[in-house]
N, C-alpha and C. Protein backbone atom coordinates (compact mmCIF):
# COMPACT_ATOMS: atom_id res chain seq x y z
N MET A 1 55.66 93.59 103.48
CA MET A 1 54.86 92.33 103.42
C MET A 1 55.61 91.34 102.54
N LYS A 2 55.63 90.02 103.03
CA LYS A 2 56.14 88.92 102.31
C LYS A 2 55.14 88.08 101.77
N LEU A 3 55.45 87.31 100.70
CA LEU A 3 54.50 86.43 100.16
C LEU A 3 53.88 85.46 101.10
N GLU A 4 54.69 84.94 102.04
CA GLU A 4 54.24 84.01 102.99
C GLU A 4 53.13 84.70 103.95
N ASP A 5 53.16 85.95 104.06
CA ASP A 5 52.18 86.71 104.85
C ASP A 5 50.74 86.60 104.27
N LEU A 6 50.78 86.46 102.97
CA LEU A 6 49.46 86.39 102.25
C LEU A 6 48.65 85.13 102.81
N PHE A 7 49.35 84.18 103.02
CA PHE A 7 48.74 82.93 103.41
C PHE A 7 48.58 82.67 104.94
N ALA A 8 48.88 83.72 105.72
CA ALA A 8 48.76 83.61 107.13
C ALA A 8 47.35 83.26 107.54
N HIS A 9 46.38 83.83 106.93
CA HIS A 9 44.93 83.62 107.31
C HIS A 9 44.18 83.12 106.17
N SER A 10 44.65 82.96 105.06
CA SER A 10 43.90 82.43 103.82
C SER A 10 44.82 81.39 103.14
N ASP A 11 44.31 80.35 102.76
CA ASP A 11 45.05 79.35 102.00
C ASP A 11 45.16 79.80 100.53
N GLU A 12 45.98 79.05 99.80
CA GLU A 12 46.30 79.39 98.41
C GLU A 12 44.96 79.44 97.60
N LYS A 13 44.12 78.50 97.82
CA LYS A 13 42.88 78.36 97.11
C LYS A 13 41.99 79.70 97.24
N HIS A 14 42.09 80.48 98.33
CA HIS A 14 41.26 81.63 98.58
C HIS A 14 42.16 82.92 98.44
N THR A 15 43.32 82.81 97.84
CA THR A 15 44.19 84.02 97.64
C THR A 15 44.27 84.21 96.07
N GLY A 16 43.99 85.44 95.70
CA GLY A 16 44.07 85.71 94.33
C GLY A 16 45.05 86.83 93.99
N MET A 17 45.01 87.32 92.74
CA MET A 17 45.97 88.27 92.26
C MET A 17 45.73 89.62 92.93
N ASP A 18 44.46 89.95 93.40
CA ASP A 18 44.27 91.16 94.03
C ASP A 18 44.99 91.13 95.50
N ASP A 19 45.08 89.91 96.01
CA ASP A 19 45.76 89.72 97.39
C ASP A 19 47.28 89.97 97.11
N VAL A 20 47.87 89.51 96.02
CA VAL A 20 49.18 89.66 95.66
C VAL A 20 49.52 91.15 95.52
N ALA A 21 48.65 92.03 95.21
CA ALA A 21 48.86 93.44 95.10
C ALA A 21 49.19 94.03 96.43
N LEU A 22 48.79 93.33 97.57
CA LEU A 22 49.19 93.75 98.91
C LEU A 22 50.65 93.78 99.13
N LEU A 23 51.41 93.05 98.36
CA LEU A 23 52.89 92.98 98.58
C LEU A 23 53.50 94.36 98.39
N ARG A 24 52.82 95.25 97.63
CA ARG A 24 53.37 96.63 97.43
C ARG A 24 53.00 97.63 98.47
N VAL A 25 52.07 97.29 99.36
CA VAL A 25 51.57 98.24 100.22
C VAL A 25 52.54 98.76 101.32
N GLY A 26 53.07 97.88 102.08
CA GLY A 26 53.99 98.24 103.19
C GLY A 26 54.03 97.23 104.23
N ASP A 27 54.14 97.72 105.46
CA ASP A 27 54.30 96.83 106.62
C ASP A 27 53.01 96.09 106.88
N THR A 28 53.09 94.96 107.52
CA THR A 28 52.00 94.14 107.72
C THR A 28 51.90 93.78 109.32
N SER A 29 50.80 93.86 109.95
CA SER A 29 50.69 93.42 111.33
C SER A 29 49.51 92.34 111.30
N VAL A 30 49.64 91.40 112.09
CA VAL A 30 48.63 90.36 112.20
C VAL A 30 48.13 90.30 113.69
N SER A 31 46.83 90.27 113.87
CA SER A 31 46.26 90.18 115.24
C SER A 31 46.02 88.73 115.58
N ALA A 32 45.64 88.58 116.81
CA ALA A 32 45.29 87.25 117.35
C ALA A 32 43.98 86.77 116.74
N THR A 33 43.24 87.70 116.20
CA THR A 33 41.95 87.36 115.48
C THR A 33 42.38 86.99 113.99
N THR A 34 41.34 87.07 113.23
CA THR A 34 41.63 86.80 111.75
C THR A 34 42.00 88.09 110.98
N SER A 35 42.15 89.17 111.64
CA SER A 35 42.44 90.44 110.93
C SER A 35 43.82 90.64 110.67
N ARG A 36 44.18 91.30 109.57
CA ARG A 36 45.57 91.63 109.21
C ARG A 36 45.51 93.08 108.73
N TRP A 37 46.60 93.77 109.13
CA TRP A 37 46.59 95.25 108.80
C TRP A 37 47.82 95.49 107.93
N CYS A 38 47.59 96.24 106.92
CA CYS A 38 48.80 96.67 106.05
C CYS A 38 48.82 98.19 106.16
N SER A 39 49.92 98.69 106.73
CA SER A 39 50.10 100.16 106.72
C SER A 39 50.99 100.60 105.52
N GLY A 40 50.46 101.49 104.70
CA GLY A 40 51.18 101.98 103.58
C GLY A 40 51.98 103.26 103.99
N ALA A 41 53.07 103.49 103.34
CA ALA A 41 53.90 104.54 103.59
C ALA A 41 53.16 105.86 103.00
N THR A 42 53.70 106.91 103.21
CA THR A 42 52.98 108.18 102.69
C THR A 42 53.24 108.48 101.24
N SER A 43 54.18 107.91 100.63
CA SER A 43 54.48 108.21 99.22
C SER A 43 53.42 107.53 98.33
N SER A 44 53.01 108.11 97.20
CA SER A 44 52.06 107.58 96.34
C SER A 44 52.45 106.28 95.81
N ARG A 45 53.62 105.90 95.74
CA ARG A 45 54.12 104.64 95.24
C ARG A 45 53.72 103.47 96.15
N THR A 46 53.71 103.69 97.46
CA THR A 46 53.47 102.66 98.39
C THR A 46 52.14 102.84 99.17
N ARG A 47 51.47 103.87 99.08
CA ARG A 47 50.26 104.13 99.85
C ARG A 47 49.22 103.13 99.40
N ALA A 48 48.51 102.62 100.34
CA ALA A 48 47.40 101.67 100.07
C ALA A 48 46.37 102.35 99.19
N SER A 49 46.03 101.67 98.16
CA SER A 49 45.12 102.25 97.12
C SER A 49 43.61 101.88 97.37
N PRO A 50 42.71 102.82 97.18
CA PRO A 50 41.29 102.50 97.22
C PRO A 50 40.88 101.19 96.46
N ASP A 51 41.67 100.92 95.36
CA ASP A 51 41.43 99.83 94.53
C ASP A 51 41.56 98.48 95.23
N LEU A 52 42.25 98.48 96.42
CA LEU A 52 42.43 97.30 97.21
C LEU A 52 41.34 96.91 98.08
N GLU A 53 40.39 97.92 98.17
CA GLU A 53 39.21 97.59 99.10
C GLU A 53 38.30 96.69 98.40
N ASN A 54 37.65 95.80 99.25
CA ASN A 54 36.61 94.87 98.70
C ASN A 54 35.79 94.51 99.90
N GLY A 55 34.93 93.48 99.74
CA GLY A 55 34.15 93.03 100.85
C GLY A 55 34.84 92.62 102.21
N SER A 56 36.06 92.21 102.03
CA SER A 56 36.84 91.66 103.18
C SER A 56 38.02 92.59 103.56
N ARG A 57 38.19 93.83 102.81
CA ARG A 57 39.32 94.62 103.12
C ARG A 57 38.72 96.09 103.09
N TRP A 58 39.15 96.93 104.05
CA TRP A 58 38.69 98.31 104.05
C TRP A 58 39.90 99.18 104.43
N LEU A 59 39.75 100.41 103.90
CA LEU A 59 40.90 101.36 103.94
C LEU A 59 40.57 102.50 104.87
N VAL A 60 41.58 102.82 105.77
CA VAL A 60 41.51 104.00 106.66
C VAL A 60 42.62 104.89 106.33
N VAL A 61 42.19 106.20 105.89
CA VAL A 61 43.11 107.14 105.36
C VAL A 61 43.23 108.40 106.07
N PRO A 62 44.36 109.06 106.04
CA PRO A 62 44.41 110.35 106.56
C PRO A 62 43.53 111.33 105.88
N ASN A 63 42.91 112.31 106.63
CA ASN A 63 41.97 113.22 106.06
C ASN A 63 42.64 114.59 106.24
N GLY A 64 43.43 114.95 105.17
CA GLY A 64 44.08 116.27 105.21
C GLY A 64 45.44 116.40 105.99
N PHE A 65 46.06 115.32 106.20
CA PHE A 65 47.40 115.37 106.82
C PHE A 65 48.32 114.30 106.20
N ASN A 66 49.59 114.49 106.24
CA ASN A 66 50.49 113.59 105.59
C ASN A 66 50.75 112.41 106.53
N GLY A 67 50.21 111.25 106.29
CA GLY A 67 50.51 110.12 107.10
C GLY A 67 50.11 108.92 106.42
N PRO A 68 50.35 107.70 106.90
CA PRO A 68 50.14 106.48 106.20
C PRO A 68 48.64 106.07 106.27
N SER A 69 48.34 105.21 105.32
CA SER A 69 46.98 104.65 105.39
C SER A 69 47.02 103.27 105.96
N ALA A 70 45.94 102.78 106.33
CA ALA A 70 45.87 101.39 106.96
C ALA A 70 44.80 100.58 106.22
N LEU A 71 45.23 99.48 105.62
CA LEU A 71 44.30 98.60 104.94
C LEU A 71 43.98 97.36 105.95
N VAL A 72 42.74 97.32 106.38
CA VAL A 72 42.29 96.31 107.27
C VAL A 72 41.82 95.12 106.43
N CYS A 73 42.47 94.02 106.60
CA CYS A 73 42.06 92.82 105.94
C CYS A 73 41.31 91.94 106.99
N GLY A 74 40.05 92.04 106.99
CA GLY A 74 39.18 91.32 107.99
C GLY A 74 37.92 92.10 108.26
N PRO A 75 37.24 91.74 109.35
CA PRO A 75 35.94 92.29 109.61
C PRO A 75 35.95 93.77 109.99
N ARG A 76 34.92 94.46 109.78
CA ARG A 76 34.75 95.86 110.22
C ARG A 76 34.29 95.89 111.68
N GLY A 77 35.01 96.45 112.53
CA GLY A 77 34.59 96.51 113.92
C GLY A 77 35.43 97.50 114.63
N GLU A 78 35.02 97.83 115.82
CA GLU A 78 35.74 98.92 116.66
C GLU A 78 37.11 98.43 116.97
N ALA A 79 37.34 97.20 117.36
CA ALA A 79 38.66 96.76 117.72
C ALA A 79 39.63 96.87 116.51
N GLU A 80 39.09 96.52 115.34
CA GLU A 80 39.95 96.56 114.19
C GLU A 80 40.33 98.00 113.78
N LEU A 81 39.38 98.98 113.93
CA LEU A 81 39.50 100.36 113.71
C LEU A 81 40.46 100.87 114.66
N GLU A 82 40.52 100.48 115.93
CA GLU A 82 41.46 101.00 116.94
C GLU A 82 42.84 100.62 116.56
N VAL A 83 43.08 99.43 116.05
CA VAL A 83 44.37 98.95 115.74
C VAL A 83 44.83 99.78 114.43
N ALA A 84 43.98 100.05 113.48
CA ALA A 84 44.32 100.84 112.27
C ALA A 84 44.67 102.25 112.77
N LEU A 85 43.98 102.85 113.67
CA LEU A 85 44.26 104.22 114.12
C LEU A 85 45.64 104.23 114.80
N ARG A 86 45.92 103.22 115.53
CA ARG A 86 47.21 103.12 116.40
C ARG A 86 48.34 103.11 115.30
N LEU A 87 48.11 102.27 114.27
CA LEU A 87 49.20 102.20 113.25
C LEU A 87 49.42 103.54 112.57
N ILE A 88 48.36 104.15 112.25
CA ILE A 88 48.49 105.57 111.63
C ILE A 88 49.11 106.46 112.54
N VAL A 89 48.79 106.53 113.82
CA VAL A 89 49.42 107.46 114.85
C VAL A 89 50.99 107.06 114.92
N ASP A 90 51.28 105.79 115.05
CA ASP A 90 52.61 105.33 115.25
C ASP A 90 53.56 105.67 114.08
N TYR A 91 53.05 105.69 112.86
CA TYR A 91 53.70 105.96 111.64
C TYR A 91 53.62 107.43 111.03
N THR A 92 52.91 108.31 111.80
CA THR A 92 52.77 109.65 111.44
C THR A 92 53.84 110.52 112.13
N ARG A 93 54.51 111.34 111.45
CA ARG A 93 55.53 112.22 112.04
C ARG A 93 54.67 113.24 112.79
N GLU A 94 54.89 113.40 114.07
CA GLU A 94 54.28 114.47 114.87
C GLU A 94 52.76 114.53 114.73
N PRO A 95 51.99 113.36 115.10
CA PRO A 95 50.65 113.36 114.95
C PRO A 95 50.03 114.30 115.97
N ARG A 96 48.88 114.90 115.57
CA ARG A 96 48.18 115.85 116.27
C ARG A 96 46.78 115.39 116.67
N PRO A 97 46.21 115.71 117.82
CA PRO A 97 44.82 115.26 118.19
C PRO A 97 43.79 115.80 117.23
N ASP A 98 44.00 116.91 116.56
CA ASP A 98 43.03 117.44 115.56
C ASP A 98 43.04 116.73 114.23
N TYR A 99 44.02 115.82 114.03
CA TYR A 99 44.03 115.02 112.78
C TYR A 99 42.93 114.12 112.74
N GLU A 100 42.34 113.92 111.55
CA GLU A 100 41.20 113.03 111.38
C GLU A 100 41.57 111.96 110.32
N VAL A 101 41.03 110.82 110.47
CA VAL A 101 41.03 109.75 109.41
C VAL A 101 39.62 109.50 108.89
N ARG A 102 39.58 108.88 107.72
CA ARG A 102 38.29 108.60 107.21
C ARG A 102 38.33 107.17 106.57
N TRP A 103 37.12 106.55 106.52
CA TRP A 103 36.92 105.25 105.90
C TRP A 103 35.46 105.17 105.51
N LYS A 104 35.18 104.09 104.73
CA LYS A 104 33.84 103.85 104.29
C LYS A 104 33.26 102.69 105.10
N SER A 105 32.01 102.96 105.60
CA SER A 105 31.28 101.89 106.35
C SER A 105 30.08 101.48 105.39
N GLU A 106 29.44 100.45 105.87
CA GLU A 106 28.27 99.98 105.15
C GLU A 106 27.15 101.16 105.14
N ASP A 107 27.31 102.04 106.14
CA ASP A 107 26.25 103.16 106.25
C ASP A 107 26.73 104.37 105.56
N GLY A 108 28.00 104.36 104.97
CA GLY A 108 28.45 105.61 104.24
C GLY A 108 29.78 106.01 104.90
N PRO A 109 30.34 107.17 104.41
CA PRO A 109 31.59 107.68 104.83
C PRO A 109 31.61 107.99 106.42
N CYS A 110 32.77 107.69 107.01
CA CYS A 110 33.00 107.92 108.47
C CYS A 110 34.24 108.72 108.71
N ALA A 111 34.37 109.35 109.82
CA ALA A 111 35.60 110.05 110.16
C ALA A 111 35.76 109.98 111.67
N ARG A 112 37.02 110.06 112.07
CA ARG A 112 37.32 110.08 113.54
C ARG A 112 38.62 110.80 113.76
N SER A 113 38.69 111.46 114.84
CA SER A 113 39.86 112.18 115.33
C SER A 113 40.88 111.15 115.83
N LEU A 114 42.19 111.54 115.79
CA LEU A 114 43.16 110.75 116.40
C LEU A 114 43.39 111.02 117.87
N ALA A 115 42.61 111.91 118.48
CA ALA A 115 42.89 112.46 119.76
C ALA A 115 42.98 111.36 120.78
N ALA A 116 41.90 110.47 120.81
CA ALA A 116 41.90 109.31 121.87
C ALA A 116 43.06 108.46 121.76
N VAL A 117 43.55 108.08 120.63
CA VAL A 117 44.70 107.33 120.42
C VAL A 117 45.97 107.92 120.94
N ILE A 118 46.08 109.28 120.62
CA ILE A 118 47.23 109.97 121.06
C ILE A 118 47.31 110.20 122.53
N LEU A 119 46.15 110.40 123.17
CA LEU A 119 46.06 110.51 124.61
C LEU A 119 46.49 109.26 125.39
N GLU A 120 46.25 108.11 124.75
CA GLU A 120 46.73 106.83 125.30
C GLU A 120 48.16 106.74 125.43
N GLY A 121 48.91 107.48 124.55
CA GLY A 121 50.30 107.38 124.57
C GLY A 121 50.84 106.49 123.52
N PRO A 122 52.16 106.26 123.44
CA PRO A 122 52.75 105.39 122.47
C PRO A 122 52.46 103.93 122.68
N SER A 123 52.47 103.22 121.58
CA SER A 123 52.14 101.77 121.67
C SER A 123 53.36 101.02 122.25
N ALA A 124 53.03 99.92 122.88
CA ALA A 124 54.10 99.18 123.53
C ALA A 124 55.04 98.47 122.60
């Protein structure tokens, strides 16, 4: 992630030091909507931290397998979750359908299998 990426959807006035911490996370993808995804590598040095979660950012993490996390910067929704799952599958070495990811929703902890994303095949 580059400093200019921080301002892709937020101006300087609405970007704080907690946003600057995103520079350490890893790769960044930006959608046509206002969402931005940061996928962190699997090492503890660069994996997205739960400390980065707030009202506008939420973390999707591997549940019991070695893979990257995805920090979604934007609204919580099915489309955003699908992109996060795709990033995790694409950056996981030998992903398996029985692998699960977890995240926190307004209703509490959630989990989902990677099976549907794997069955779709590789991303374009």
